[in-house]
Amino acid sequence: MSLSAFIRKLTKKNKKIFFITDNLDFQLLDKSLNENRILSIDTEFDWRNTYFPNLSLLQIGFSDEIYILDCLTCDPTKLLKNVLESTSYLKVFHSSRSDATILSKCLGIKTLNCFDIQQGEKIIRGTEIEGYASIVKRYFLTNLDKSQTKSNWLKRPLSAEQIEYASNDVDYLLEIYHVQKNLLDKKNKLKEVIYLTEKEVNLGNEDLLDSRIRRIKKKYSKEYLSIFLWREKIAIQENVPPKKILKDENIKKLIQIIDNDKVKECDWIIKEDKHRIDFLKKFK
């Protein structure tokens, strides 16, 4: 089918918005990527009922165009991997760790050469980390509607409100970047923001299991970490939230149960028989 059958053109201020639902419609995006070396990126996803996130939309912004890619119906990995992993392109984000996490876990892309306006604003203002809406309001005197933040991004068709929300999330990033860059240059702080962004992106690019273990390994005993790792591996295999297998607060209780040889008390903590049997085989 023709490109026009899949791409819905909208206008936002002076920008064209392209909603892409098929790999065959990547020609225009490919052309824009060849013509630009700075782009803004955002993602919409669901991460409530699975171990790994589910990517719904990937938004890419240029100075006069916005592309919204429906990642439930098209796979942009082949087109974007070389771009996002290249240092020849600058990628502008808000909260880069979050989007880097989604891109690395869902598309296997480890993004490089990034600028995070959240980190930029922190250095410029000397304030705590700020949300996207508050930064946009400061620079554009615009109140963004954030009511779609927790909407169902896996449901199709998407609503007009969701499409508007998704386009807003990438729309202002480049303009804010250019203003911040000038301010940071004057303060001789640009390299600091780039360094902070790189740290955030590297954390997002980290393996999910490694990331989760790193956050707790200095806090708990070897026994705790062994049970934690057992739970994580099952959650990964079944692609379910770890708490569905075993809640964090019950890991210490399991250690006490095993130490005191009160095996029957495992029943109310590990509710699924197959998980409980597997646990007792490994730790009893």
Protein backbone atom coordinates (compact mmCIF):
# COMPACT_ATOMS: atom_id res chain seq x y z
CA MET A 1 0.00 0.00 0.00
CA SER A 2 1.09 3.58 -0.54
CA LEU A 3 2.78 5.74 2.05
CA SER A 4 -0.27 7.96 2.33
CA ALA A 5 -2.36 4.96 3.36
CA PHE A 6 -0.29 4.55 6.50
CA ILE A 7 0.86 8.05 7.45
CA ARG A 8 -1.51 10.53 8.93
CA LYS A 9 -0.31 14.11 8.55
CA LEU A 10 -1.13 16.58 11.25
CA THR A 11 0.18 20.04 11.95
CA LYS A 12 1.44 21.37 15.26
CA LYS A 13 2.42 25.00 15.20
CA ASN A 14 4.78 25.01 12.20
CA LYS A 15 5.69 21.34 12.51
CA LYS A 16 4.40 18.40 10.53
CA ILE A 17 3.53 15.28 12.48
CA PHE A 18 3.77 11.87 10.85
CA PHE A 19 2.15 8.86 12.52
CA ILE A 20 3.85 5.73 11.21
CA THR A 21 2.39 2.25 11.55
CA ASP A 22 4.38 0.20 9.03
CA ASN A 23 8.04 -0.38 8.20
CA LEU A 24 7.26 0.51 4.59
CA ASP A 25 6.62 4.08 5.72
CA PHE A 26 10.14 4.77 7.00
CA GLN A 27 11.25 6.58 3.82
CA LEU A 28 10.46 10.07 5.08
CA LEU A 29 12.03 9.43 8.47
CA ASP A 30 15.13 7.98 6.81
CA LYS A 31 15.39 11.11 4.68
CA SER A 32 15.11 13.37 7.74
CA LEU A 33 17.77 11.36 9.56
CA ASN A 34 20.12 11.81 6.61
CA GLU A 35 19.52 15.57 6.61
CA ASN A 36 19.79 16.23 10.37
CA ARG A 37 22.40 15.49 13.01
CA ILE A 38 20.38 16.61 16.05
CA LEU A 39 17.14 14.91 17.02
CA SER A 40 14.92 14.69 20.07
CA ILE A 41 13.57 11.38 21.35
CA ASP A 42 10.89 10.19 23.72
CA THR A 43 9.08 6.90 24.33
CA GLU A 44 5.68 5.78 25.58
CA PHE A 45 5.52 2.33 27.13
CA ASP A 46 3.80 0.04 29.62
CA TRP A 47 5.74 -1.56 32.47
CA ARG A 48 3.09 -2.60 34.94
CA ASN A 49 2.53 -6.31 34.39
CA THR A 50 5.82 -7.60 32.97
CA TYR A 51 9.49 -7.90 33.90
CA PHE A 52 10.56 -6.24 30.67
CA PRO A 53 8.91 -3.03 29.44
CA ASN A 54 6.58 -3.03 26.45
CA LEU A 55 7.35 -0.22 24.01
CA SER A 56 4.28 1.41 22.52
CA LEU A 57 5.47 4.56 20.75
CA LEU A 58 8.80 6.04 19.79
CA GLN A 59 8.75 9.76 19.03
CA ILE A 60 11.50 11.49 17.08
CA GLY A 61 11.60 15.25 16.66
CA PHE A 62 13.43 17.55 14.27
CA SER A 63 13.23 21.32 13.89
CA ASP A 64 10.14 21.17 11.68
CA GLU A 65 8.91 17.56 11.89
CA ILE A 66 7.77 15.05 14.47
CA TYR A 67 7.58 11.32 13.78
CA ILE A 68 5.47 9.07 15.99
CA LEU A 69 6.26 5.40 15.39
CA ASP A 70 3.75 2.77 16.48
CA CYS A 71 6.10 0.09 17.77
CA LEU A 72 3.28 -2.43 18.15
CA THR A 73 2.92 -2.52 14.36
CA CYS A 74 6.40 -1.61 13.09
CA ASP A 75 9.97 -2.30 14.18
CA PRO A 76 12.33 0.69 13.86
CA THR A 77 15.41 -1.17 15.15
CA LYS A 78 17.14 -1.65 11.81
CA LEU A 79 16.58 1.97 10.79
CA LEU A 80 17.56 3.56 14.10
CA LYS A 81 20.29 1.38 15.59
CA ASN A 82 23.16 2.96 13.66
CA VAL A 83 21.78 6.44 14.32
CA LEU A 84 21.19 6.10 18.05
CA GLU A 85 24.47 4.27 18.64
CA SER A 86 26.44 6.77 16.56
CA THR A 87 28.37 9.65 18.06
CA SER A 88 27.75 11.59 14.83
CA TYR A 89 24.20 12.31 15.95
CA LEU A 90 23.23 14.25 19.07
CA LYS A 91 20.15 12.86 20.80
CA VAL A 92 18.19 15.19 23.10
CA PHE A 93 16.07 13.72 25.91
CA HIS A 94 14.27 14.63 29.06
CA SER A 95 15.09 12.05 31.75
CA SER A 96 17.52 10.15 29.54
CA ARG A 97 17.96 7.16 31.85
CA SER A 98 14.31 6.18 31.46
CA ASP A 99 14.29 6.35 27.66
CA ALA A 100 17.71 4.68 27.39
CA THR A 101 16.34 1.85 29.50
CA ILE A 102 13.36 1.39 27.19
CA LEU A 103 15.42 1.60 24.00
CA SER A 104 18.03 -0.87 25.24
CA LYS A 105 15.56 -3.40 26.67
CA CYS A 106 12.95 -3.24 23.91
CA LEU A 107 15.05 -2.61 20.80
CA GLY A 108 18.52 -3.70 21.87
CA ILE A 109 19.84 -0.20 21.13
CA LYS A 110 22.39 1.38 23.49
CA THR A 111 22.12 5.09 22.84
CA LEU A 112 25.26 7.25 22.72
CA ASN A 113 26.05 11.00 22.52
CA CYS A 114 23.07 12.42 24.36
CA PHE A 115 21.97 15.62 26.05
CA ASP A 116 19.42 15.57 28.87
CA ILE A 117 17.51 18.83 29.37
CA GLN A 118 16.62 17.65 32.88
CA GLN A 119 20.31 17.60 33.77
CA GLY A 120 20.82 20.86 31.93
CA GLU A 121 18.12 22.59 33.95
CA LYS A 122 19.55 21.20 37.18
CA ILE A 123 22.95 22.77 36.48
CA ILE A 124 21.57 26.06 35.13
CA ARG A 125 19.11 26.67 37.97
CA GLY A 126 20.91 24.87 40.77
CA THR A 127 17.64 23.10 41.56
CA GLU A 128 16.51 19.54 42.07
CA ILE A 129 15.49 17.33 39.14
CA GLU A 130 12.41 18.78 37.42
CA GLY A 131 9.61 17.23 35.41
CA TYR A 132 9.20 17.93 31.72
CA ALA A 133 6.02 19.95 32.14
CA SER A 134 7.57 22.40 34.58
CA ILE A 135 10.59 22.97 32.31
CA VAL A 136 8.34 23.54 29.28
CA LYS A 137 6.25 26.00 31.27
CA ARG A 138 9.36 27.98 32.25
CA TYR A 139 10.63 28.27 28.68
CA PHE A 140 7.35 28.50 26.73
CA LEU A 141 4.75 29.64 29.30
CA THR A 142 2.74 26.62 28.17
CA ASN A 143 0.82 24.27 30.46
CA LEU A 144 1.09 20.73 29.15
CA ASP A 145 -1.75 18.31 29.73
CA LYS A 146 -0.19 15.32 31.49
CA SER A 147 -3.46 13.43 32.03
CA GLN A 148 -2.44 10.69 29.59
CA THR A 149 0.73 9.74 31.47
CA LYS A 150 -0.78 6.58 32.94
CA SER A 151 -3.19 5.80 30.14
CA ASN A 152 -3.20 2.41 28.44
CA TRP A 153 -0.47 2.76 25.82
CA LEU A 154 -0.92 -0.80 24.58
CA LYS A 155 -4.54 -0.31 23.58
CA ARG A 156 -5.36 0.39 19.96
CA PRO A 157 -6.57 2.58 18.44
CA LEU A 158 -4.83 5.35 20.33
CA SER A 159 -6.94 8.37 21.19
CA ALA A 160 -6.37 11.84 19.79
CA GLU A 161 -5.43 12.90 23.33
CA GLN A 162 -2.71 10.24 23.48
CA ILE A 163 -1.28 11.29 20.13
CA GLU A 164 -1.25 14.91 21.25
CA TYR A 165 0.44 13.93 24.51
CA ALA A 166 3.07 11.88 22.69
CA SER A 167 3.87 14.71 20.27
CA ASN A 168 4.12 17.22 23.11
CA ASP A 169 6.66 15.02 24.90
CA VAL A 170 9.16 15.42 22.06
CA ASP A 171 8.06 18.74 20.62
CA TYR A 172 9.91 21.24 22.84
CA LEU A 173 13.15 19.37 23.46
CA LEU A 174 15.30 20.82 20.68
CA GLU A 175 14.31 24.43 21.37
CA ILE A 176 15.09 23.98 25.06
CA TYR A 177 18.40 22.30 24.24
CA HIS A 178 19.56 25.26 22.12
CA VAL A 179 18.69 27.77 24.87
CA GLN A 180 20.32 25.64 27.55
CA LYS A 181 23.45 25.14 25.46
CA ASN A 182 23.95 28.90 25.18
CA LEU A 183 23.41 29.38 28.91
CA LEU A 184 25.73 26.49 29.77
CA ASP A 185 28.43 27.75 27.42
CA LYS A 186 28.37 31.10 29.22
CA LYS A 187 28.72 29.32 32.57
CA ASN A 188 31.36 26.95 31.18
CA LYS A 189 29.12 24.08 32.34
CA LEU A 190 28.23 22.31 29.09
CA LYS A 191 30.75 19.51 29.59
CA GLU A 192 29.36 18.89 33.07
CA VAL A 193 25.85 18.33 31.72
CA ILE A 194 27.14 16.07 28.97
CA TYR A 195 29.03 14.06 31.63
CA LEU A 196 25.94 13.79 33.85
CA THR A 197 23.83 12.76 30.87
CA GLU A 198 26.34 10.08 29.93
CA LYS A 199 26.13 8.66 33.44
CA GLU A 200 22.33 8.55 33.25
CA VAL A 201 22.33 6.94 29.80
CA ASN A 202 24.90 4.33 30.85
CA LEU A 203 22.66 3.37 33.76
CA GLY A 204 19.76 3.04 31.35
CA ASN A 205 21.84 0.94 28.97
CA GLU A 206 22.83 -1.43 31.78
CA ASP A 207 21.43 -4.97 31.80
CA LEU A 208 18.20 -4.95 33.79
CA LEU A 209 19.15 -7.76 36.14
CA ASP A 210 22.62 -6.27 36.73
CA SER A 211 20.99 -2.94 37.48
CA ARG A 212 18.59 -4.41 40.02
CA ILE A 213 21.34 -6.37 41.77
CA ARG A 214 23.67 -3.37 41.86
CA ARG A 215 21.08 -1.30 43.72
CA ILE A 216 20.79 -3.77 46.60
CA LYS A 217 24.01 -5.79 46.81
CA LYS A 218 25.62 -3.56 49.44
CA LYS A 219 22.52 -3.52 51.63
CA TYR A 220 21.78 -7.19 52.18
CA SER A 221 23.31 -10.51 53.17
CA LYS A 222 24.47 -13.24 50.79
CA GLU A 223 21.40 -15.29 51.75
CA TYR A 224 19.12 -12.42 50.80
CA LEU A 225 20.91 -11.89 47.49
CA SER A 226 20.69 -15.59 46.64
CA ILE A 227 16.92 -15.61 47.09
CA PHE A 228 16.62 -12.28 45.29
CA LEU A 229 18.53 -13.70 42.30
CA TRP A 230 16.41 -16.88 42.30
CA ARG A 231 13.26 -14.77 42.18
CA GLU A 232 14.63 -12.51 39.41
CA LYS A 233 15.53 -15.42 37.16
CA ILE A 234 12.02 -16.87 37.42
CA ALA A 235 10.49 -13.44 36.78
CA ILE A 236 12.68 -13.07 33.69
CA GLN A 237 11.72 -16.51 32.38
CA GLU A 238 8.00 -15.83 32.88
CA ASN A 239 8.25 -12.10 32.06
CA VAL A 240 6.28 -11.08 35.12
CA PRO A 241 6.95 -8.49 37.83
CA PRO A 242 9.27 -9.98 40.50
CA LYS A 243 6.76 -9.15 43.24
CA LYS A 244 4.34 -11.59 41.61
CA ILE A 245 6.77 -14.38 42.45
CA LEU A 246 7.84 -13.06 45.84
CA LYS A 247 7.47 -9.65 47.48
CA ASP A 248 10.62 -7.89 48.64
CA GLU A 249 9.47 -7.68 52.23
CA ASN A 250 9.05 -11.46 52.40
CA ILE A 251 12.60 -12.38 51.40
CA LYS A 252 13.90 -11.90 54.96
CA LYS A 253 10.98 -13.94 56.29
CA LEU A 254 11.95 -16.81 54.02
CA ILE A 255 15.49 -16.73 55.38
CA GLN A 256 14.11 -17.04 58.92
CA ILE A 257 11.77 -19.85 57.89
CA ILE A 258 14.62 -21.85 56.38
CA ASP A 259 16.93 -21.17 59.32
CA ASN A 260 14.25 -22.35 61.78
CA ASP A 261 13.20 -25.29 59.60
CA LYS A 262 9.57 -24.11 59.40
CA VAL A 263 9.06 -25.15 55.80
CA LYS A 264 5.25 -25.22 55.92
CA GLU A 265 5.20 -21.48 56.49
CA CYS A 266 6.45 -21.02 52.92
CA ASP A 267 2.91 -21.68 51.70
CA TRP A 268 1.57 -18.19 52.36
CA ILE A 269 4.72 -16.44 51.14
CA ILE A 270 5.33 -18.32 47.87
CA LYS A 271 1.80 -19.02 46.72
CA GLU A 272 2.41 -20.87 43.45
CA ASP A 273 3.21 -24.53 44.02
CA LYS A 274 5.80 -24.76 41.24
CA HIS A 275 7.73 -21.79 42.63
CA ARG A 276 7.55 -23.05 46.20
CA ILE A 277 8.77 -26.51 45.22
CA ASP A 278 11.63 -25.02 43.23
CA PHE A 279 12.58 -22.74 46.12
CA LEU A 280 12.70 -25.59 48.64
CA LYS A 281 14.82 -27.69 46.30
CA LYS A 282 17.39 -24.93 46.08
CA PHE A 283 17.41 -23.52 49.60
CA LYS A 284 16.19 -26.21 52.01
